[in-house]
Amino acid sequence: MELPIALRKGTREAAQKALPLEVLDDHDIGNFVSYEALSPSYRVFVASLQTVSIPKDWKAAKQDPKWHEAMIEELEALRKNKTWVLTTLPAGKKAVSCKWIYTVKQNPEGKVERYKARLVARGYSQTHGIDYDETFAPVAKMNTVRILVSCAANFGWKLHQLDVKNAFLHGELQEEVYMEIPPGFGTSQTTGKVCRLKKSLYGLKQSPRAWFDRFRRAVRAMGYGQCNGDHTVFYRHSLSNRKITILAVYVDDIIITGDDDEEIKRLKGCLSNEFEVKDLGNLKYFLGIEVARTEKGIFLCQRKYTLDLLSDMGMMGCRAAPTPIEQNHQVTAQSGELVNKEDYQKLVGRLLYLCHTRPDITYAVGVVSRYMHEPRSGHLDIVHRILRYLKGTPGKGLWFAKSGHLEVDGYSDSDWASCQDDRRSTSGYCVFVGGNLVSWRSKKQPVVSRSTAEAEYRALSQGLCEMLWVKYLLSELKLLRKGPLKVWCDNQSAIAIANNPVQHDRTKHVEIDRFFIKEKLDAGIISLTHVSSGQQFADCLTKGLGTKDCNLACDKMGMIDIYHPS
């Protein structure tokens, strides 16, 4: 029998440096973050991320000449683009408000490329059918991004990053939309006036759709096909040299990879002719995710995002926790007194974004997400424990090693009747491409399962759906070799049900899932194999683990910490 990936991969060297089990007396953050292992160039880049402070509001920004100049530059770009005209607000119409968002763009060396001020409309006040109709967000799935990173790591492809300046201004508005005067720039001439928008603007509900439609038509005209598995991914195969170029767009950030250097150069030139594009060089910082690369692989983490979160919560000096959630926790909907709902939701929302590179906290964050509508002190205690765990592991992230293949493996698991409130089970799955973790999920099942086998079977079905999507995407890109997808499950009953079509009494509650999985087995699309519970590292996505098992799960999922002090 072929060994599961958990045994084939072995122990990663960098993951050997696990957190000490004893509680440190000194809680200074310097005991958990070190930059000694970084190359000089990457150390400069990481340090530069902390050098520029972002203004809290437009009043603070206007006091700084650099940010004030960035705001004026944004308004000038909007004026040149004829984004709006000043007019009086018609009777019966409502103007949406707007605000300023501030970011810093850096070059590959880590130096500040430009201070960027973006005027954003508060589109949440729009009304469907009045000032917007159809919407679509041009956002590449983070699973897709990780798949491309795994491809780049395995095949030695370069990862390029481009930024489209004022991307949404390229979209034409069809609806009648009015906006208030930008904050901080009202004059006597604008008193009693509003802006009637002619072009799309960041924040409007229809702006992403208008921009993406413009971008899609331009890229298709350059000879690129559009993926059906993820509509924000475009590709081009060169028939002459059998090389490939892949482009993924996340709003106005573009990632380009592939092995056709000449085509990548041509693509950059075409995009620059069509839009105002800034070439940011090799991918190093993408949507708050830091990207470090060596000859052996690629490392993704959200170190700065984690440290900023701890700083904002005043927990930089707290005692670190060994795990994100207690083992055998008994949290319920009535755990403690009510707490501030808005603050709780904001904090959990920030933790959800951190899960893009932290599968180790995914289960714990999933638990606290269940109580967003009525949070209590017991739920907030778990949130604080997650933050304490992050205090001890702020630099932990995903390592994409060079394995030389793109085989697809998947693990599925469940924890039967684990929810104390309704006795629903928790499903967990994780998918590997080329030996690297690219997709995972922890989710409470929508219905009650009457047995462990039933819960495991539902989890197996969910994991298989994700694997089939991965297969479809890689097949479109012509990167997937022939052969069945390897699915690993630690429940013998679930495997027996999948292979035995006559167990009606035990399967009538999961009949659709049973036919779905059996169909894939008969077609040879998947191979279903048993794995021991000790090697089932989707286990950490279904329940809280002890310190030893938690560290082992991080190791097997490919999590390392290049910032951990030696």
Protein backbone atom coordinates (compact mmCIF):
# COMPACT_ATOMS: atom_id res chain seq x y z
CA MET A 1 0.00 0.00 0.00
CA GLU A 2 1.27 3.48 -0.85
CA LEU A 3 2.11 5.55 2.22
CA PRO A 4 0.09 8.70 2.97
CA ILE A 5 1.72 12.06 2.44
CA ALA A 6 2.08 12.53 6.19
CA LEU A 7 4.60 9.67 6.23
CA ARG A 8 6.15 10.35 2.81
CA LYS A 9 7.07 13.93 3.62
CA GLY A 10 8.93 13.25 6.84
CA THR A 11 9.74 15.93 9.38
CA ARG A 12 10.64 19.35 8.08
CA GLU A 13 13.96 20.60 9.47
CA ALA A 14 12.77 24.12 10.12
CA ALA A 15 9.74 22.84 12.02
CA GLN A 16 11.98 21.09 14.53
CA LYS A 17 12.21 24.33 16.45
CA ALA A 18 8.92 23.88 18.27
CA LEU A 19 7.77 26.19 21.03
CA PRO A 20 9.07 25.25 24.49
CA LEU A 21 6.46 23.51 26.59
CA GLU A 22 7.36 25.43 29.73
CA VAL A 23 5.89 28.87 30.25
CA LEU A 24 8.49 31.60 29.85
CA ASP A 25 8.94 34.06 32.70
CA ASP A 26 9.73 36.94 30.37
CA HIS A 27 6.82 37.77 28.06
CA ASP A 28 8.67 40.25 25.87
CA ILE A 29 7.81 39.83 22.17
CA GLY A 30 11.54 39.69 21.39
CA ASN A 31 11.59 36.19 22.86
CA PHE A 32 9.29 34.99 20.11
CA VAL A 33 10.51 36.92 17.02
CA SER A 34 14.03 36.91 15.63
CA TYR A 35 15.35 38.07 12.26
CA GLU A 36 18.74 36.31 12.44
CA ALA A 37 17.76 33.53 10.01
CA LEU A 38 16.76 35.96 7.24
CA SER A 39 18.98 36.94 4.35
CA PRO A 40 20.29 40.55 4.51
CA SER A 41 18.07 41.71 1.64
CA TYR A 42 14.92 40.13 3.04
CA ARG A 43 15.76 41.46 6.51
CA VAL A 44 15.82 44.97 5.07
CA PHE A 45 12.48 44.36 3.37
CA VAL A 46 10.82 43.05 6.55
CA ALA A 47 12.17 45.95 8.59
CA SER A 48 10.81 48.44 6.04
CA LEU A 49 7.27 47.15 6.62
CA GLN A 50 7.39 48.63 10.11
CA THR A 51 8.94 52.02 9.23
CA VAL A 52 5.88 53.88 7.91
CA SER A 53 2.91 54.64 10.15
CA ILE A 54 -0.54 54.73 8.56
CA PRO A 55 -2.77 57.74 9.45
CA LYS A 56 -5.89 56.96 11.47
CA ASP A 57 -8.07 59.48 9.61
CA TRP A 58 -7.94 62.26 7.00
CA LYS A 59 -7.31 64.96 9.62
CA ALA A 60 -4.07 63.26 10.71
CA ALA A 61 -3.12 62.63 7.07
CA LYS A 62 -3.42 66.31 6.13
CA GLN A 63 -0.88 67.19 8.82
CA ASP A 64 1.77 65.06 7.06
CA PRO A 65 3.00 66.61 3.78
CA LYS A 66 3.60 63.19 2.19
CA TRP A 67 0.12 61.89 2.87
CA HIS A 68 -1.47 65.24 1.99
CA GLU A 69 0.32 65.14 -1.36
CA ALA A 70 -0.95 61.57 -1.89
CA MET A 71 -4.53 62.73 -1.31
CA ILE A 72 -4.14 65.60 -3.79
CA GLU A 73 -2.60 63.18 -6.31
CA GLU A 74 -5.65 60.89 -5.96
CA LEU A 75 -8.08 63.76 -6.48
CA GLU A 76 -6.12 64.91 -9.53
CA ALA A 77 -6.31 61.42 -11.02
CA LEU A 78 -10.06 61.38 -10.42
CA ARG A 79 -10.39 64.80 -12.08
CA LYS A 80 -8.35 63.80 -15.13
CA ASN A 81 -10.45 60.68 -15.48
CA LYS A 82 -13.66 62.75 -15.31
CA THR A 83 -14.92 60.52 -12.53
CA TRP A 84 -17.68 62.92 -11.45
CA VAL A 85 -19.37 66.23 -12.03
CA LEU A 86 -20.58 68.61 -9.31
CA THR A 87 -24.33 69.02 -9.16
CA THR A 88 -27.22 69.60 -6.79
CA LEU A 89 -28.74 66.49 -5.27
CA PRO A 90 -32.10 65.81 -6.98
CA ALA A 91 -35.20 65.42 -4.84
CA GLY A 92 -35.76 61.84 -3.71
CA LYS A 93 -32.12 60.86 -4.25
CA LYS A 94 -29.59 59.95 -1.56
CA ALA A 95 -25.85 60.58 -1.74
CA VAL A 96 -23.46 57.91 -0.46
CA SER A 97 -20.69 59.05 1.86
CA CYS A 98 -16.98 58.40 1.29
CA LYS A 99 -13.73 58.06 3.22
CA TRP A 100 -9.96 57.94 2.71
CA ILE A 101 -7.93 54.72 2.90
CA TYR A 102 -4.13 54.91 3.22
CA THR A 103 -1.55 52.32 2.16
CA VAL A 104 2.14 52.22 1.30
CA LYS A 105 3.54 50.67 -1.89
CA GLN A 106 7.09 49.31 -1.73
CA ASN A 107 9.56 48.19 -4.35
CA PRO A 108 11.32 44.79 -4.28
CA GLU A 109 14.17 46.27 -2.20
CA GLY A 110 11.71 47.29 0.52
CA LYS A 111 11.98 51.03 -0.09
CA VAL A 112 8.82 53.11 -0.12
CA GLU A 113 7.70 53.39 -3.74
CA ARG A 114 4.84 55.77 -3.02
CA TYR A 115 2.35 56.83 -0.40
CA LYS A 116 -1.09 55.87 -1.64
CA ALA A 117 -4.33 57.58 -0.59
CA ARG A 118 -7.49 56.05 -2.00
CA LEU A 119 -10.92 57.66 -1.96
CA VAL A 120 -13.49 54.97 -1.19
CA ALA A 121 -17.27 55.30 -1.41
CA ARG A 122 -19.29 53.76 1.42
CA GLY A 123 -21.25 51.48 -0.86
CA TYR A 124 -23.07 49.72 1.97
CA SER A 125 -25.60 52.58 1.90
CA GLN A 126 -26.58 51.83 -1.72
CA THR A 127 -29.98 50.30 -2.52
CA HIS A 128 -30.39 47.46 -5.00
CA GLY A 129 -32.40 48.46 -8.04
CA ILE A 130 -31.92 52.19 -7.38
CA ASP A 131 -28.20 52.97 -7.56
CA TYR A 132 -26.78 49.51 -8.39
CA ASP A 133 -27.88 46.27 -10.06
CA GLU A 134 -25.52 43.33 -10.62
CA THR A 135 -22.30 42.93 -8.65
CA PHE A 136 -19.18 40.77 -8.89
CA ALA A 137 -15.94 40.90 -6.91
CA PRO A 138 -12.78 40.22 -8.98
CA VAL A 139 -11.08 38.41 -6.12
CA ALA A 140 -8.89 35.38 -6.74
CA LYS A 141 -9.51 32.62 -4.23
CA MET A 142 -6.72 32.35 -1.69
CA ASN A 143 -6.78 28.60 -2.39
CA THR A 144 -5.94 29.45 -6.02
CA VAL A 145 -3.10 31.73 -4.95
CA ARG A 146 -1.62 28.97 -2.79
CA ILE A 147 -1.95 26.48 -5.67
CA LEU A 148 0.02 28.85 -7.91
CA VAL A 149 2.64 29.28 -5.18
CA SER A 150 2.98 25.49 -4.93
CA CYS A 151 3.39 25.29 -8.73
CA ALA A 152 6.06 28.01 -8.61
CA ALA A 153 7.90 26.23 -5.79
CA ASN A 154 7.82 22.81 -7.51
CA PHE A 155 8.74 23.99 -11.01
CA GLY A 156 11.04 26.88 -10.12
CA TRP A 157 8.77 29.51 -11.66
CA LYS A 158 9.19 33.16 -10.79
CA LEU A 159 6.34 35.02 -9.12
CA HIS A 160 5.80 38.56 -10.40
CA GLN A 161 3.54 41.21 -8.86
CA LEU A 162 1.90 44.16 -10.61
CA ASP A 163 -0.29 46.93 -9.24
CA VAL A 164 -2.93 48.68 -11.34
CA LYS A 165 -3.21 52.34 -10.42
CA ASN A 166 -6.79 53.57 -9.96
CA ALA A 167 -8.11 50.29 -11.35
CA PHE A 168 -11.78 50.92 -10.66
CA LEU A 169 -11.70 54.21 -12.56
CA HIS A 170 -11.54 52.20 -15.79
CA GLY A 171 -15.13 51.02 -15.32
CA GLU A 172 -18.11 52.92 -16.76
CA LEU A 173 -21.16 53.42 -14.52
CA GLN A 174 -24.58 52.72 -15.99
CA GLU A 175 -26.57 53.68 -12.89
CA GLU A 176 -27.30 57.13 -11.44
CA VAL A 177 -25.09 57.43 -8.34
CA TYR A 178 -24.41 60.50 -6.17
CA MET A 179 -21.62 60.88 -3.61
CA GLU A 180 -20.78 63.42 -0.94
CA ILE A 181 -17.79 65.77 -1.30
CA PRO A 182 -14.50 64.04 -0.32
CA PRO A 183 -13.69 64.66 3.39
CA GLY A 184 -11.20 67.46 3.96
CA PHE A 185 -11.65 69.07 0.54
CA GLY A 186 -14.91 70.95 0.84
CA THR A 187 -14.84 74.61 -0.22
CA SER A 188 -17.29 77.47 -0.57
CA GLN A 189 -17.86 76.38 -4.19
CA THR A 190 -18.87 72.86 -3.12
CA THR A 191 -21.32 73.94 -0.42
CA GLY A 192 -24.69 72.30 -1.09
CA LYS A 193 -23.23 70.25 -3.94
CA VAL A 194 -22.68 66.53 -4.44
CA CYS A 195 -20.67 64.47 -6.92
CA ARG A 196 -22.60 62.65 -9.64
CA LEU A 197 -20.37 59.70 -10.51
CA LYS A 198 -19.67 58.99 -14.16
CA LYS A 199 -16.96 56.37 -13.59
CA SER A 200 -16.82 53.60 -11.02
CA LEU A 201 -15.11 54.25 -7.70
CA TYR A 202 -13.70 52.00 -4.98
CA GLY A 203 -16.38 51.00 -2.52
CA LEU A 204 -19.37 51.11 -4.86
CA LYS A 205 -21.12 47.78 -5.13
CA GLN A 206 -21.01 47.72 -8.93
CA SER A 207 -17.41 49.02 -9.28
CA PRO A 208 -15.63 45.64 -9.07
CA ARG A 209 -17.87 44.21 -11.77
CA ALA A 210 -17.34 47.21 -14.08
CA TRP A 211 -13.54 47.09 -13.61
CA PHE A 212 -13.27 43.33 -14.04
CA ASP A 213 -15.33 43.38 -17.22
CA ARG A 214 -12.93 45.96 -18.66
CA PHE A 215 -9.89 43.97 -17.49
CA ARG A 216 -11.25 40.64 -18.76
CA ARG A 217 -11.89 41.98 -22.25
CA ALA A 218 -8.37 43.44 -22.39
CA VAL A 219 -6.63 40.22 -21.27
CA ARG A 220 -8.73 38.03 -23.56
CA ALA A 221 -7.73 40.31 -26.45
CA MET A 222 -4.08 39.54 -25.60
CA GLY A 223 -4.72 35.85 -26.39
CA TYR A 224 -5.41 34.54 -22.89
CA GLY A 225 -8.04 32.03 -21.88
CA GLN A 226 -10.16 32.44 -18.75
CA CYS A 227 -10.40 29.63 -16.22
CA ASN A 228 -13.85 28.29 -15.39
CA GLY A 229 -12.62 26.95 -12.05
CA ASP A 230 -11.66 30.48 -10.97
CA HIS A 231 -12.77 33.30 -13.25
CA THR A 232 -10.03 35.62 -11.96
CA VAL A 233 -7.30 33.35 -13.41
CA PHE A 234 -6.14 33.69 -17.03
CA TYR A 235 -3.64 31.51 -18.88
CA ARG A 236 -1.84 31.18 -22.21
CA HIS A 237 -0.14 28.09 -23.59
CA SER A 238 2.61 28.58 -26.14
CA LEU A 239 2.29 25.94 -28.83
CA SER A 240 5.82 26.51 -30.11
CA ASN A 241 7.70 25.74 -26.90
CA ARG A 242 4.94 24.15 -24.77
CA LYS A 243 5.32 26.74 -22.05
CA ILE A 244 2.64 28.41 -19.94
CA THR A 245 1.93 31.85 -18.51
CA ILE A 246 -0.64 32.30 -15.72
CA LEU A 247 -2.18 35.53 -14.44
CA ALA A 248 -4.36 35.90 -11.32
CA VAL A 249 -6.03 39.17 -10.32
CA TYR A 250 -7.17 40.22 -6.85
CA VAL A 251 -9.03 43.52 -7.40
CA ASP A 252 -6.06 45.69 -8.54
CA ASP A 253 -3.18 43.39 -7.52
CA ILE A 254 -1.92 41.01 -10.20
CA ILE A 255 0.25 37.90 -9.82
CA ILE A 256 1.98 36.49 -12.89
CA THR A 257 3.84 33.18 -12.98
CA GLY A 258 4.88 30.52 -15.47
CA ASP A 259 7.92 29.28 -17.37
CA ASP A 260 7.59 31.47 -20.49
CA ASP A 261 9.79 34.48 -19.68
CA GLU A 262 9.34 36.08 -23.10
CA GLU A 263 5.56 35.89 -22.87
CA ILE A 264 5.61 37.31 -19.33
CA LYS A 265 7.65 40.27 -20.60
CA ARG A 266 5.19 40.78 -23.46
CA LEU A 267 2.21 40.52 -21.11
CA LYS A 268 3.63 43.18 -18.80
CA GLY A 269 4.11 45.49 -21.76
CA CYS A 270 0.57 44.94 -23.03
CA LEU A 271 -0.90 45.59 -19.59
CA SER A 272 1.13 48.78 -19.25
CA ASN A 273 -0.19 50.01 -22.61
CA GLU A 274 -3.78 49.23 -21.62
CA PHE A 275 -3.72 50.42 -17.99
CA GLU A 276 -1.47 52.42 -15.68
CA VAL A 277 0.47 49.51 -14.21
CA LYS A 278 3.35 49.50 -11.73
CA ASP A 279 5.73 46.54 -11.85
CA LEU A 280 6.53 45.64 -8.23
CA GLY A 281 9.07 42.99 -9.20
CA ASN A 282 9.18 39.59 -7.47
CA LEU A 283 6.26 38.77 -5.19
CA LYS A 284 7.19 39.71 -1.62
CA TYR A 285 4.12 41.26 0.02
CA PHE A 286 0.61 40.44 -1.13
CA LEU A 287 -2.58 41.43 0.72
CA GLY A 288 -0.79 41.48 4.06
CA ILE A 289 0.98 38.16 3.35
CA GLU A 290 4.78 38.18 3.44
CA VAL A 291 6.50 35.99 0.85
CA ALA A 292 10.06 34.76 1.38
CA ARG A 293 11.83 32.56 -1.17
CA THR A 294 14.92 30.39 -1.21
CA GLU A 295 16.22 27.73 -3.57
CA LYS A 296 14.44 25.09 -1.47
CA GLY A 297 10.96 26.63 -1.46
CA ILE A 298 8.63 29.52 -0.65
CA PHE A 299 7.42 30.67 2.76
CA LEU A 300 4.13 32.52 3.39
CA CYS A 301 3.25 34.17 6.69
CA GLN A 302 1.36 37.12 8.17
CA ARG A 303 3.92 38.20 10.77
CA LYS A 304 3.30 41.94 10.50
CA TYR A 305 -0.46 41.44 10.45
CA THR A 306 -0.22 39.31 13.61
CA LEU A 307 2.01 41.79 15.44
CA ASP A 308 -0.27 44.68 14.47
CA LEU A 309 -3.28 42.75 15.78
CA LEU A 310 -1.55 42.01 19.09
CA SER A 311 -0.45 45.64 19.38
CA ASP A 312 -3.94 46.98 18.67
CA MET A 313 -5.38 44.68 21.34
CA GLY A 314 -2.70 45.64 23.87
CA MET A 315 -1.48 42.03 24.14
CA MET A 316 2.15 42.38 23.11
CA GLY A 317 3.22 41.67 26.68
CA CYS A 318 0.75 38.88 27.50
CA ARG A 319 1.67 35.35 28.53
CA ALA A 320 1.86 33.02 25.50
CA ALA A 321 -0.48 30.01 25.27
CA PRO A 322 0.79 26.65 23.97
CA THR A 323 -2.35 25.90 21.89
CA PRO A 324 -5.07 28.05 20.27
CA ILE A 325 -7.94 26.38 22.19
CA GLU A 326 -8.18 24.09 25.19
CA GLN A 327 -8.45 20.38 24.66
CA ASN A 328 -11.94 19.01 25.43
CA HIS A 329 -13.39 22.51 25.72
CA GLN A 330 -17.08 22.78 26.65
CA VAL A 331 -18.12 26.11 25.12
CA THR A 332 -21.84 26.71 24.60
CA ALA A 333 -24.08 29.56 23.45
CA GLN A 334 -24.69 30.51 27.11
CA SER A 335 -21.04 30.60 28.22
CA GLY A 336 -20.86 33.71 30.41
CA GLU A 337 -22.28 37.21 30.26
CA LEU A 338 -23.00 39.19 27.10
CA VAL A 339 -20.13 41.27 25.68
CA ASN A 340 -19.91 44.07 23.09
CA LYS A 341 -21.14 42.54 19.84
CA GLU A 342 -19.49 45.00 17.43
CA ASP A 343 -16.03 44.76 19.01
CA TYR A 344 -16.27 40.96 19.10
CA GLN A 345 -17.25 40.74 15.43
CA LYS A 346 -14.40 43.03 14.35
CA LEU A 347 -11.84 41.02 16.29
CA VAL A 348 -13.07 37.64 15.00
CA GLY A 349 -13.14 39.09 11.47
CA ARG A 350 -9.45 39.98 11.76
CA LEU A 351 -8.69 36.47 12.99
CA LEU A 352 -10.58 34.98 10.04
CA TYR A 353 -8.28 36.82 7.63
CA LEU A 354 -5.28 35.47 9.52
CA CYS A 355 -6.45 31.92 8.72
CA HIS A 356 -5.17 32.37 5.14
CA THR A 357 -1.73 31.21 6.32
CA ARG A 358 -2.60 29.76 9.74
CA PRO A 359 -4.47 26.44 9.50
CA ASP A 360 -3.44 25.81 13.11
CA ILE A 361 -5.97 28.40 14.38
CA THR A 362 -8.71 27.59 11.86
CA TYR A 363 -10.71 25.31 14.17
CA ALA A 364 -10.53 27.70 17.13
CA VAL A 365 -11.57 30.67 14.98
CA GLY A 366 -14.40 28.57 13.55
CA VAL A 367 -15.69 27.90 17.07
CA VAL A 368 -15.78 31.58 18.09
CA SER A 369 -17.36 32.47 14.72
CA ARG A 370 -20.45 30.45 15.66
CA TYR A 371 -21.43 33.02 18.26
CA MET A 372 -21.10 36.26 16.30
CA HIS A 373 -24.83 37.08 16.74
CA GLU A 374 -24.73 36.92 20.56
CA PRO A 375 -21.15 36.77 21.92
CA ARG A 376 -20.52 36.14 25.59
CA SER A 377 -17.55 36.35 27.94
CA GLY A 378 -16.74 32.65 27.53
CA HIS A 379 -16.45 33.10 23.77
CA LEU A 380 -14.27 36.19 24.26
CA ASP A 381 -12.00 34.17 26.55
CA ILE A 382 -11.33 31.76 23.66
CA VAL A 383 -10.58 34.71 21.37
CA HIS A 384 -8.06 35.98 23.92
CA ARG A 385 -6.49 32.52 24.12
CA ILE A 386 -6.07 32.51 20.33
CA LEU A 387 -4.30 35.86 20.62
CA ARG A 388 -2.09 34.50 23.40
CA TYR A 389 -1.21 31.55 21.16
CA LEU A 390 -0.37 33.96 18.34
CA LYS A 391 1.87 35.88 20.77
CA GLY A 392 4.07 32.79 21.02
CA THR A 393 4.00 32.07 17.26
CA PRO A 394 3.68 35.41 15.40
CA GLY A 395 6.02 34.36 12.58
CA LYS A 396 4.61 30.89 11.94
CA GLY A 397 3.44 30.27 8.39
CA LEU A 398 3.23 27.83 5.48
CA TRP A 399 6.28 26.34 3.80
CA PHE A 400 5.97 25.33 0.13
CA ALA A 401 8.75 22.87 -0.60
CA LYS A 402 10.10 21.81 -3.98
CA SER A 403 8.80 18.27 -4.45
CA GLY A 404 9.01 18.09 -8.23
CA HIS A 405 5.41 16.96 -8.81
CA LEU A 406 1.81 18.15 -8.57
CA GLU A 407 0.08 15.12 -7.09
CA VAL A 408 -3.17 15.90 -5.28
CA ASP A 409 -3.73 14.37 -1.82
CA GLY A 410 -6.60 15.00 0.56
CA TYR A 411 -7.43 14.18 4.17
CA SER A 412 -10.90 14.33 5.74
CA ASP A 413 -11.99 13.92 9.33
CA SER A 414 -14.88 14.73 11.66
CA ASP A 415 -15.63 15.04 15.36
CA TRP A 416 -19.01 13.43 15.98
CA ALA A 417 -21.70 15.44 17.85
CA SER A 418 -19.07 17.85 19.14
CA CYS A 419 -21.25 20.98 19.38
CA GLN A 420 -22.80 21.20 22.84
CA ASP A 421 -25.67 23.39 21.61
CA ASP A 422 -27.20 21.21 18.88
CA ARG A 423 -25.02 18.06 18.77
CA ARG A 424 -23.95 18.65 15.21
CA SER A 425 -20.58 17.32 14.13
CA THR A 426 -17.56 19.26 12.92
CA SER A 427 -16.02 18.46 9.53
CA GLY A 428 -12.42 19.11 8.59
CA TYR A 429 -10.41 18.54 5.45
CA CYS A 430 -7.09 19.58 3.97
CA VAL A 431 -5.82 19.27 0.39
CA PHE A 432 -2.20 19.08 -0.76
CA VAL A 433 -0.85 19.90 -4.22
CA GLY A 434 2.70 18.85 -4.90
CA GLY A 435 3.20 17.96 -1.24
CA ASN A 436 2.15 21.44 -0.08
CA LEU A 437 -0.99 22.43 1.81
CA VAL A 438 -3.16 24.64 -0.42
CA SER A 439 -6.69 24.27 0.94
CA TRP A 440 -8.29 23.44 4.29
CA ARG A 441 -11.55 23.98 6.12
CA SER A 442 -13.16 23.47 9.50
CA LYS A 443 -16.96 23.73 9.53
CA LYS A 444 -19.87 22.58 11.64
CA GLN A 445 -22.11 20.24 9.65
CA PRO A 446 -25.54 21.63 8.68
CA VAL A 447 -27.49 18.62 10.02
CA VAL A 448 -27.19 16.19 12.92
CA SER A 449 -25.39 12.94 12.14
CA ARG A 450 -26.74 9.81 13.81
CA SER A 451 -23.40 7.97 13.90
CA THR A 452 -19.67 8.53 13.66
CA ALA A 453 -19.65 6.87 10.23
CA GLU A 454 -22.33 9.25 8.98
CA ALA A 455 -20.39 12.29 10.24
CA GLU A 456 -17.17 10.99 8.68
CA TYR A 457 -18.95 10.33 5.40
CA ARG A 458 -20.29 13.88 5.21
CA ALA A 459 -16.80 15.24 5.91
CA LEU A 460 -15.40 12.94 3.21
CA SER A 461 -17.91 14.29 0.70
CA GLN A 462 -17.01 17.92 1.48
CA GLY A 463 -13.29 17.25 1.17
CA LEU A 464 -13.82 15.40 -2.12
CA CYS A 465 -15.71 18.37 -3.58
CA GLU A 466 -12.72 20.60 -2.86
CA MET A 467 -10.31 18.09 -4.36
CA LEU A 468 -12.38 17.85 -7.53
CA TRP A 469 -12.28 21.64 -7.84
CA VAL A 470 -8.49 21.58 -7.46
CA LYS A 471 -8.29 18.85 -10.09
CA TYR A 472 -10.52 20.85 -12.45
CA LEU A 473 -8.41 23.99 -12.06
CA LEU A 474 -5.10 22.18 -12.62
CA SER A 475 -6.58 20.29 -15.58
CA GLU A 476 -7.63 23.56 -17.20
CA LEU A 477 -4.08 24.81 -16.83
CA LYS A 478 -2.82 21.45 -18.20
CA LEU A 479 -0.63 20.94 -15.15
CA LEU A 480 -2.23 17.80 -13.68
CA ARG A 481 -0.83 14.41 -14.55
CA LYS A 482 -3.15 11.46 -15.07
CA GLY A 483 -3.99 9.30 -12.09
CA PRO A 484 -6.56 9.15 -9.30
CA LEU A 485 -6.80 11.69 -6.51
CA LYS A 486 -5.58 10.14 -3.25
CA VAL A 487 -8.11 10.50 -0.43
CA TRP A 488 -7.15 9.44 3.12
CA CYS A 489 -9.72 8.72 5.83
CA ASP A 490 -9.27 7.22 9.31
CA ASN A 491 -12.78 5.73 9.59
CA GLN A 492 -13.12 2.14 8.35
CA SER A 493 -16.93 2.31 8.33
CA ALA A 494 -16.99 5.33 6.03
CA ILE A 495 -14.60 3.57 3.65
CA ALA A 496 -16.72 0.41 3.73
CA ILE A 497 -19.87 2.40 2.94
CA ALA A 498 -18.12 4.05 0.00
CA ASN A 499 -17.14 0.68 -1.44
CA ASN A 500 -20.30 -1.26 -0.53
CA PRO A 501 -23.48 -0.13 -2.33
CA VAL A 502 -25.92 -2.31 -0.36
CA GLN A 503 -25.68 -0.94 3.18
CA HIS A 504 -29.02 0.84 2.89
CA ASP A 505 -29.91 0.91 6.58
CA ARG A 506 -26.71 2.69 7.46
CA THR A 507 -26.62 5.02 4.47
CA LYS A 508 -30.17 6.26 3.91
CA HIS A 509 -29.36 9.55 5.70
CA VAL A 510 -26.38 10.26 3.42
CA GLU A 511 -27.75 8.73 0.24
CA ILE A 512 -26.74 11.59 -2.08
CA ASP A 513 -23.20 11.72 -0.66
CA ARG A 514 -22.95 7.93 -1.01
CA PHE A 515 -23.87 7.97 -4.70
CA PHE A 516 -21.57 10.95 -5.29
CA ILE A 517 -18.51 9.25 -3.78
CA LYS A 518 -19.32 5.84 -5.29
CA GLU A 519 -19.57 7.40 -8.73
CA LYS A 520 -16.08 8.90 -8.40
CA LEU A 521 -14.66 5.62 -7.12
CA ASP A 522 -16.15 3.63 -10.00
CA ALA A 523 -14.81 6.12 -12.53
CA GLY A 524 -11.30 5.83 -11.08
CA ILE A 525 -11.19 9.54 -10.29
CA ILE A 526 -10.33 8.95 -6.63
CA SER A 527 -8.63 6.25 -4.59
CA LEU A 528 -9.86 5.96 -0.99
CA THR A 529 -7.40 4.60 1.56
CA HIS A 530 -7.41 4.18 5.32
CA VAL A 531 -4.92 6.12 7.41
CA SER A 532 -4.29 5.66 11.12
CA SER A 533 -5.66 8.28 13.50
CA GLY A 534 -2.12 9.18 14.50
CA GLN A 535 -1.35 10.24 10.93
CA GLN A 536 -4.70 11.98 10.37
CA PHE A 537 -3.62 15.58 10.67
CA ALA A 538 -7.01 16.91 9.54
CA ASP A 539 -7.70 16.06 13.19
CA CYS A 540 -6.59 19.56 14.22
CA LEU A 541 -9.40 21.02 12.08
CA THR A 542 -12.13 19.22 14.05
CA LYS A 543 -11.14 19.54 17.73
CA GLY A 544 -8.77 21.16 20.19
CA LEU A 545 -5.49 19.28 20.65
CA GLY A 546 -2.89 19.04 23.36
CA THR A 547 0.45 20.81 23.02
CA LYS A 548 2.35 17.83 21.62
CA ASP A 549 -0.33 16.89 19.09
CA CYS A 550 -0.80 20.54 18.08
CA ASN A 551 2.91 20.94 17.31
CA LEU A 552 2.92 17.63 15.43
CA ALA A 553 -0.07 18.72 13.34
CA CYS A 554 1.68 21.99 12.45
CA ASP A 555 4.74 20.01 11.42
CA LYS A 556 2.80 17.65 9.16
CA MET A 557 0.83 20.48 7.55
CA GLY A 558 4.08 22.16 6.56
CA MET A 559 4.06 25.01 9.06
CA ILE A 560 7.40 26.47 10.11
CA ASP A 561 8.60 29.62 11.85
CA ILE A 562 11.64 31.27 10.27
CA TYR A 563 11.37 34.04 12.88
CA HIS A 564 11.62 31.75 15.91
CA PRO A 565 14.72 32.59 18.00
CA SER A 566 17.37 29.91 17.68
